[in-house]
């Protein structure tokens, strides 16, 4: 067997690992969504758990309420987790890579339908979702 083949076999048997493993990536070790830090166009600040990424905006749970923030109302959106492939700026919808990443790291990657939203509101003792597009 040639030396190149033996070297390849040795590397393959020991396994290759590049980057962070699941055990080292905090969002993968707990059920919560990642933290979202949003500054709105009118200067308001929203900090909370990213519950879901919808086609038109973000659903965020703060200490006091659920807030739906349309992309057009976001001046700046940051997600302080290592590996974030970007941020939200100037009311633009996220690019495909960032949107996919945010969906996967939100608490409800599949989105929140009406029935689930009603149950969540009741569980947290909230009356309704605060909408920033009104």
N, C-alpha and C. Protein backbone atom coordinates (compact mmCIF):
# COMPACT_ATOMS: atom_id res chain seq x y z
N UNK A 1 0.86 -1.18 0.00
CA UNK A 1 0.00 0.00 0.00
C UNK A 1 0.90 1.24 0.00
N UNK A 2 0.59 2.20 -0.81
CA UNK A 2 1.43 3.39 -0.91
C UNK A 2 1.30 4.25 0.36
N UNK A 3 2.27 5.09 0.56
CA UNK A 3 2.27 5.98 1.74
C UNK A 3 1.09 6.94 1.71
N UNK A 4 0.72 7.41 0.53
CA UNK A 4 -0.40 8.34 0.40
C UNK A 4 -1.69 7.65 0.83
N UNK A 5 -1.89 6.43 0.39
CA UNK A 5 -3.09 5.69 0.78
C UNK A 5 -3.11 5.43 2.28
N UNK A 6 -1.96 5.07 2.84
CA UNK A 6 -1.87 4.81 4.28
C UNK A 6 -2.18 6.09 5.07
N UNK A 7 -1.65 7.21 4.62
CA UNK A 7 -1.92 8.48 5.28
C UNK A 7 -3.40 8.82 5.20
N UNK A 8 -4.00 8.64 4.02
CA UNK A 8 -5.43 8.90 3.84
C UNK A 8 -6.25 8.00 4.77
N UNK A 9 -5.90 6.73 4.85
CA UNK A 9 -6.62 5.78 5.70
C UNK A 9 -6.48 6.17 7.16
N UNK A 10 -5.31 6.58 7.58
CA UNK A 10 -5.09 6.99 8.97
C UNK A 10 -5.94 8.21 9.32
N UNK A 11 -6.00 9.18 8.43
CA UNK A 11 -6.81 10.38 8.66
C UNK A 11 -8.28 10.02 8.69
N UNK A 12 -8.72 9.17 7.78
CA UNK A 12 -10.12 8.78 7.71
C UNK A 12 -10.54 8.02 8.96
N UNK A 13 -9.69 7.17 9.49
CA UNK A 13 -10.03 6.38 10.67
C UNK A 13 -10.07 7.22 11.94
N UNK A 14 -9.26 8.25 12.01
CA UNK A 14 -9.27 9.10 13.21
C UNK A 14 -10.41 10.09 13.17
N UNK A 15 -11.02 10.28 12.02
CA UNK A 15 -12.13 11.21 11.89
C UNK A 15 -11.63 12.62 11.69
N UNK A 16 -12.39 13.36 10.97
CA UNK A 16 -12.04 14.75 10.70
C UNK A 16 -13.08 15.63 11.38
N UNK A 17 -12.63 16.71 11.93
CA UNK A 17 -13.55 17.62 12.59
C UNK A 17 -13.09 19.05 12.30
N UNK A 18 -13.95 19.82 11.69
CA UNK A 18 -13.64 21.21 11.41
C UNK A 18 -14.74 22.06 12.01
N UNK A 19 -14.37 23.06 12.77
CA UNK A 19 -15.36 23.97 13.33
C UNK A 19 -15.96 23.47 14.62
N UNK A 20 -16.98 24.19 15.04
CA UNK A 20 -17.66 23.93 16.29
C UNK A 20 -18.57 22.72 16.20
N UNK A 21 -18.59 21.91 17.22
CA UNK A 21 -19.53 20.80 17.29
C UNK A 21 -20.82 21.26 17.93
N UNK A 22 -21.85 20.45 17.83
CA UNK A 22 -23.15 20.80 18.40
C UNK A 22 -23.04 21.10 19.88
N UNK A 23 -22.25 20.32 20.59
CA UNK A 23 -22.11 20.51 22.03
C UNK A 23 -21.48 21.86 22.40
N UNK A 24 -20.80 22.49 21.46
CA UNK A 24 -20.16 23.78 21.71
C UNK A 24 -20.97 24.97 21.19
N UNK A 25 -22.11 24.71 20.59
CA UNK A 25 -22.93 25.77 20.00
C UNK A 25 -24.16 25.95 20.89
N UNK A 26 -24.15 26.99 21.72
CA UNK A 26 -25.18 27.18 22.75
C UNK A 26 -26.62 27.03 22.25
N UNK A 27 -27.03 27.62 21.13
CA UNK A 27 -28.43 27.46 20.71
C UNK A 27 -28.84 26.01 20.47
N UNK A 28 -27.91 25.14 20.17
CA UNK A 28 -28.24 23.74 19.90
C UNK A 28 -28.38 22.93 21.19
N UNK A 29 -28.02 23.51 22.33
CA UNK A 29 -28.06 22.77 23.58
C UNK A 29 -29.24 23.15 24.47
N UNK A 30 -30.13 24.01 23.98
CA UNK A 30 -31.29 24.42 24.78
C UNK A 30 -32.48 24.67 23.86
N UNK A 31 -33.69 24.67 24.41
CA UNK A 31 -34.88 24.78 23.57
C UNK A 31 -35.23 26.21 23.14
N UNK A 32 -34.64 27.21 23.76
CA UNK A 32 -34.99 28.59 23.43
C UNK A 32 -34.45 28.99 22.06
N UNK A 33 -35.10 29.97 21.48
CA UNK A 33 -34.57 30.58 20.27
C UNK A 33 -33.43 31.53 20.65
N UNK A 34 -32.73 32.00 19.67
CA UNK A 34 -31.62 32.92 19.95
C UNK A 34 -32.14 34.30 20.34
N UNK A 35 -31.27 35.08 20.93
CA UNK A 35 -31.63 36.44 21.30
C UNK A 35 -31.65 37.34 20.06
N UNK A 36 -32.66 38.18 19.99
CA UNK A 36 -32.77 39.17 18.92
C UNK A 36 -32.66 40.55 19.56
N UNK A 37 -31.87 41.41 18.97
CA UNK A 37 -31.73 42.81 19.41
C UNK A 37 -32.09 43.68 18.21
N UNK A 38 -33.23 44.35 18.31
CA UNK A 38 -33.76 45.11 17.18
C UNK A 38 -33.89 46.58 17.56
N UNK A 39 -33.44 47.44 16.66
CA UNK A 39 -33.69 48.88 16.77
C UNK A 39 -34.66 49.21 15.64
N UNK A 40 -35.78 49.82 16.01
CA UNK A 40 -36.80 50.12 15.00
C UNK A 40 -36.53 51.47 14.34
N UNK A 41 -37.24 51.74 13.28
CA UNK A 41 -37.08 53.01 12.54
C UNK A 41 -37.36 54.22 13.41
N UNK A 42 -38.26 54.08 14.39
CA UNK A 42 -38.56 55.23 15.25
C UNK A 42 -37.66 55.28 16.48
N UNK A 43 -36.62 54.44 16.54
CA UNK A 43 -35.65 54.48 17.63
C UNK A 43 -35.98 53.56 18.79
N UNK A 44 -37.09 52.83 18.72
CA UNK A 44 -37.41 51.89 19.78
C UNK A 44 -36.44 50.72 19.78
N UNK A 45 -36.32 50.10 20.94
CA UNK A 45 -35.43 48.95 21.08
C UNK A 45 -36.22 47.75 21.58
N UNK A 46 -36.02 46.62 20.94
CA UNK A 46 -36.68 45.39 21.31
C UNK A 46 -35.60 44.34 21.51
N UNK A 47 -35.60 43.74 22.69
CA UNK A 47 -34.66 42.67 22.99
C UNK A 47 -35.46 41.50 23.52
N UNK A 48 -35.25 40.34 22.94
CA UNK A 48 -35.96 39.17 23.41
C UNK A 48 -35.60 37.92 22.62
N UNK A 49 -36.36 36.88 22.86
CA UNK A 49 -36.13 35.60 22.20
C UNK A 49 -36.78 35.59 20.83
N UNK A 50 -36.04 35.17 19.84
CA UNK A 50 -36.59 35.04 18.49
C UNK A 50 -37.46 33.79 18.45
N UNK A 51 -38.78 34.00 18.39
CA UNK A 51 -39.71 32.87 18.34
C UNK A 51 -39.84 32.31 16.94
N UNK A 52 -40.02 33.19 15.95
CA UNK A 52 -40.23 32.72 14.58
C UNK A 52 -39.83 33.78 13.58
N UNK A 53 -39.45 33.31 12.40
CA UNK A 53 -39.13 34.17 11.27
C UNK A 53 -40.23 33.95 10.25
N UNK A 54 -40.99 34.99 9.99
CA UNK A 54 -42.08 34.92 9.02
C UNK A 54 -41.61 35.58 7.73
N UNK A 55 -42.36 35.40 6.67
CA UNK A 55 -41.98 36.00 5.39
C UNK A 55 -41.91 37.52 5.44
N UNK A 56 -42.71 38.13 6.32
CA UNK A 56 -42.76 39.59 6.37
C UNK A 56 -42.09 40.21 7.59
N UNK A 57 -41.62 39.40 8.54
CA UNK A 57 -40.99 39.97 9.72
C UNK A 57 -40.64 38.94 10.78
N UNK A 58 -40.31 39.44 11.97
CA UNK A 58 -39.87 38.60 13.08
C UNK A 58 -40.89 38.61 14.21
N UNK A 59 -41.09 37.46 14.84
CA UNK A 59 -41.91 37.36 16.05
C UNK A 59 -40.95 37.17 17.21
N UNK A 60 -40.99 38.12 18.15
CA UNK A 60 -40.04 38.15 19.26
C UNK A 60 -40.80 38.14 20.58
N UNK A 61 -40.33 37.33 21.54
CA UNK A 61 -40.92 37.34 22.89
C UNK A 61 -40.04 38.19 23.78
N UNK A 62 -40.61 39.29 24.28
CA UNK A 62 -39.90 40.12 25.25
C UNK A 62 -40.41 39.73 26.64
N UNK A 63 -39.93 40.39 27.66
CA UNK A 63 -40.38 40.12 29.01
C UNK A 63 -41.86 40.45 29.17
N UNK A 64 -42.34 41.47 28.46
CA UNK A 64 -43.70 41.96 28.65
C UNK A 64 -44.70 41.55 27.58
N UNK A 65 -44.24 41.07 26.43
CA UNK A 65 -45.19 40.79 25.35
C UNK A 65 -44.54 40.01 24.22
N UNK A 66 -45.39 39.61 23.28
CA UNK A 66 -44.92 39.12 21.99
C UNK A 66 -45.00 40.31 21.05
N UNK A 67 -43.96 40.50 20.26
CA UNK A 67 -43.92 41.63 19.34
C UNK A 67 -43.64 41.11 17.94
N UNK A 68 -44.46 41.55 16.97
CA UNK A 68 -44.20 41.25 15.57
C UNK A 68 -43.60 42.49 14.95
N UNK A 69 -42.40 42.34 14.39
CA UNK A 69 -41.68 43.47 13.79
C UNK A 69 -41.50 43.20 12.30
N UNK A 70 -42.23 43.93 11.45
CA UNK A 70 -42.03 43.78 10.00
C UNK A 70 -40.62 44.22 9.61
N UNK A 71 -40.07 43.59 8.60
CA UNK A 71 -38.71 43.94 8.17
C UNK A 71 -38.60 45.43 7.85
N UNK A 72 -39.64 46.01 7.28
CA UNK A 72 -39.62 47.43 6.92
C UNK A 72 -39.49 48.37 8.11
N UNK A 73 -39.80 47.88 9.31
CA UNK A 73 -39.70 48.70 10.52
C UNK A 73 -38.35 48.54 11.24
N UNK A 74 -37.50 47.66 10.73
CA UNK A 74 -36.23 47.38 11.40
C UNK A 74 -35.12 48.26 10.82
N UNK A 75 -34.57 49.11 11.68
CA UNK A 75 -33.40 49.90 11.27
C UNK A 75 -32.16 49.03 11.39
N UNK A 76 -32.12 48.25 12.48
CA UNK A 76 -30.95 47.40 12.71
C UNK A 76 -31.40 46.18 13.51
N UNK A 77 -31.00 44.99 13.08
CA UNK A 77 -31.31 43.76 13.80
C UNK A 77 -30.05 42.95 13.97
N UNK A 78 -29.73 42.62 15.22
CA UNK A 78 -28.52 41.86 15.51
C UNK A 78 -28.90 40.60 16.30
N UNK A 79 -28.09 39.57 16.12
CA UNK A 79 -28.32 38.28 16.75
C UNK A 79 -26.98 37.83 17.31
N UNK A 80 -26.73 38.12 18.59
CA UNK A 80 -25.40 37.91 19.16
C UNK A 80 -25.05 36.45 19.43
N UNK A 81 -24.92 35.70 18.35
CA UNK A 81 -24.51 34.30 18.43
C UNK A 81 -23.38 34.14 17.42
N UNK A 82 -22.35 33.44 17.83
CA UNK A 82 -21.24 33.26 16.89
C UNK A 82 -21.71 32.52 15.64
N UNK A 83 -21.20 32.93 14.52
CA UNK A 83 -21.54 32.29 13.26
C UNK A 83 -22.67 32.94 12.50
N UNK A 84 -23.21 34.04 13.03
CA UNK A 84 -24.30 34.71 12.32
C UNK A 84 -23.80 35.18 10.95
N UNK A 85 -24.51 34.78 9.89
CA UNK A 85 -24.06 35.15 8.54
C UNK A 85 -24.54 36.54 8.12
N UNK A 86 -24.62 37.45 9.05
CA UNK A 86 -25.03 38.81 8.71
C UNK A 86 -25.99 39.37 9.74
N UNK A 87 -26.62 40.47 9.38
CA UNK A 87 -27.55 41.16 10.26
C UNK A 87 -28.62 41.81 9.39
N UNK A 88 -29.63 42.38 10.03
CA UNK A 88 -30.68 43.09 9.31
C UNK A 88 -30.40 44.57 9.38
N UNK A 89 -30.51 45.26 8.27
CA UNK A 89 -30.24 46.69 8.23
C UNK A 89 -31.21 47.40 7.29
N UNK A 90 -31.62 48.59 7.70
CA UNK A 90 -32.36 49.52 6.85
C UNK A 90 -33.63 48.95 6.23
N UNK A 91 -34.39 48.17 6.99
CA UNK A 91 -35.68 47.70 6.52
C UNK A 91 -35.65 46.65 5.44
N UNK A 92 -34.47 46.14 5.14
CA UNK A 92 -34.37 45.12 4.09
C UNK A 92 -34.67 43.73 4.66
N UNK A 93 -35.31 42.94 3.85
CA UNK A 93 -35.55 41.54 4.19
C UNK A 93 -34.20 40.83 4.21
N UNK A 94 -34.03 39.82 5.08
CA UNK A 94 -32.74 39.13 5.11
C UNK A 94 -32.48 38.37 3.82
N UNK A 95 -31.23 38.22 3.49
CA UNK A 95 -30.86 37.39 2.34
C UNK A 95 -31.19 35.94 2.65
N UNK A 96 -31.14 35.10 1.65
CA UNK A 96 -31.51 33.68 1.82
C UNK A 96 -30.71 32.99 2.91
N UNK A 97 -29.40 33.21 2.95
CA UNK A 97 -28.55 32.54 3.93
C UNK A 97 -28.91 32.97 5.35
N UNK A 98 -29.05 34.27 5.56
CA UNK A 98 -29.39 34.77 6.89
C UNK A 98 -30.80 34.31 7.30
N UNK A 99 -31.75 34.37 6.38
CA UNK A 99 -33.11 33.95 6.69
C UNK A 99 -33.14 32.47 7.09
N UNK A 100 -32.47 31.63 6.35
CA UNK A 100 -32.41 30.20 6.66
C UNK A 100 -31.78 29.98 8.04
N UNK A 101 -30.70 30.69 8.31
CA UNK A 101 -29.99 30.58 9.59
C UNK A 101 -30.90 31.02 10.74
N UNK A 102 -31.58 32.17 10.58
CA UNK A 102 -32.48 32.66 11.62
C UNK A 102 -33.63 31.70 11.87
N UNK A 103 -34.22 31.18 10.80
CA UNK A 103 -35.33 30.21 10.97
C UNK A 103 -34.87 29.00 11.77
N UNK A 104 -33.71 28.46 11.43
CA UNK A 104 -33.22 27.28 12.12
C UNK A 104 -32.94 27.54 13.60
N UNK A 105 -32.53 28.75 13.93
CA UNK A 105 -32.16 29.04 15.31
C UNK A 105 -33.29 29.69 16.12
N UNK A 106 -34.42 29.94 15.48
CA UNK A 106 -35.57 30.45 16.23
C UNK A 106 -36.19 29.29 17.00
N UNK A 107 -37.02 29.62 17.98
CA UNK A 107 -37.64 28.55 18.76
C UNK A 107 -38.58 27.71 17.89
N UNK A 108 -39.28 28.35 16.96
CA UNK A 108 -40.23 27.66 16.10
C UNK A 108 -39.81 27.80 14.64
N UNK A 109 -38.87 26.97 14.18
CA UNK A 109 -38.38 27.09 12.81
C UNK A 109 -39.46 26.90 11.77
N UNK A 110 -40.51 26.18 12.11
CA UNK A 110 -41.60 25.93 11.17
C UNK A 110 -42.57 27.09 11.10
N UNK A 111 -42.41 28.09 11.96
CA UNK A 111 -43.33 29.22 12.01
C UNK A 111 -44.37 29.00 13.10
N UNK A 112 -45.20 30.01 13.30
CA UNK A 112 -46.23 29.96 14.34
C UNK A 112 -47.58 30.19 13.67
N UNK A 113 -48.41 29.14 13.65
CA UNK A 113 -49.76 29.31 13.07
C UNK A 113 -50.70 29.86 14.15
N UNK A 114 -51.94 30.14 13.75
CA UNK A 114 -52.91 30.76 14.65
C UNK A 114 -53.17 29.97 15.92
N UNK A 115 -53.31 28.65 15.81
CA UNK A 115 -53.59 27.80 16.97
C UNK A 115 -52.43 27.82 17.95
N UNK A 116 -51.22 27.66 17.45
CA UNK A 116 -50.04 27.69 18.31
C UNK A 116 -49.89 29.06 18.95
N UNK A 117 -50.13 30.12 18.20
CA UNK A 117 -50.02 31.47 18.75
C UNK A 117 -51.00 31.67 19.90
N UNK A 118 -52.23 31.21 19.74
CA UNK A 118 -53.22 31.33 20.83
C UNK A 118 -52.74 30.60 22.07
N UNK A 119 -52.21 29.40 21.91
CA UNK A 119 -51.73 28.64 23.06
C UNK A 119 -50.52 29.32 23.72
N UNK A 120 -49.64 29.89 22.91
CA UNK A 120 -48.48 30.59 23.47
C UNK A 120 -48.89 31.84 24.23
N UNK A 121 -49.81 32.60 23.65
CA UNK A 121 -50.29 33.80 24.34
C UNK A 121 -50.89 33.43 25.69
N UNK A 122 -51.72 32.38 25.72
CA UNK A 122 -52.33 31.94 26.97
C UNK A 122 -51.28 31.46 27.97
N UNK A 123 -50.30 30.71 27.49
CA UNK A 123 -49.26 30.18 28.38
C UNK A 123 -48.44 31.28 29.03
N UNK A 124 -48.19 32.36 28.30
CA UNK A 124 -47.39 33.47 28.84
C UNK A 124 -48.25 34.54 29.51
N UNK A 125 -49.57 34.41 29.39
CA UNK A 125 -50.47 35.39 30.01
C UNK A 125 -50.56 36.70 29.24
N UNK A 126 -50.32 36.66 27.94
CA UNK A 126 -50.42 37.85 27.11
C UNK A 126 -51.77 37.86 26.40
N UNK A 127 -52.29 39.04 26.13
CA UNK A 127 -53.58 39.18 25.46
C UNK A 127 -53.48 39.03 23.95
N UNK A 128 -52.48 39.69 23.36
CA UNK A 128 -52.33 39.69 21.91
C UNK A 128 -50.90 40.01 21.54
N UNK A 129 -50.61 39.89 20.26
CA UNK A 129 -49.29 40.23 19.74
C UNK A 129 -49.26 41.72 19.46
N UNK A 130 -48.25 42.39 19.99
CA UNK A 130 -48.05 43.80 19.68
C UNK A 130 -47.46 43.86 18.28
N UNK A 131 -48.11 44.60 17.40
CA UNK A 131 -47.65 44.70 15.99
C UNK A 131 -47.09 46.10 15.76
N UNK A 132 -45.89 46.15 15.27
CA UNK A 132 -45.27 47.47 15.01
C UNK A 132 -45.61 48.03 13.65
N UNK A 133 -46.47 47.36 12.90
CA UNK A 133 -46.85 47.87 11.57
C UNK A 133 -48.18 48.58 11.60
N UNK A 134 -48.72 48.82 12.75
CA UNK A 134 -50.02 49.52 12.87
C UNK A 134 -49.82 50.99 13.12
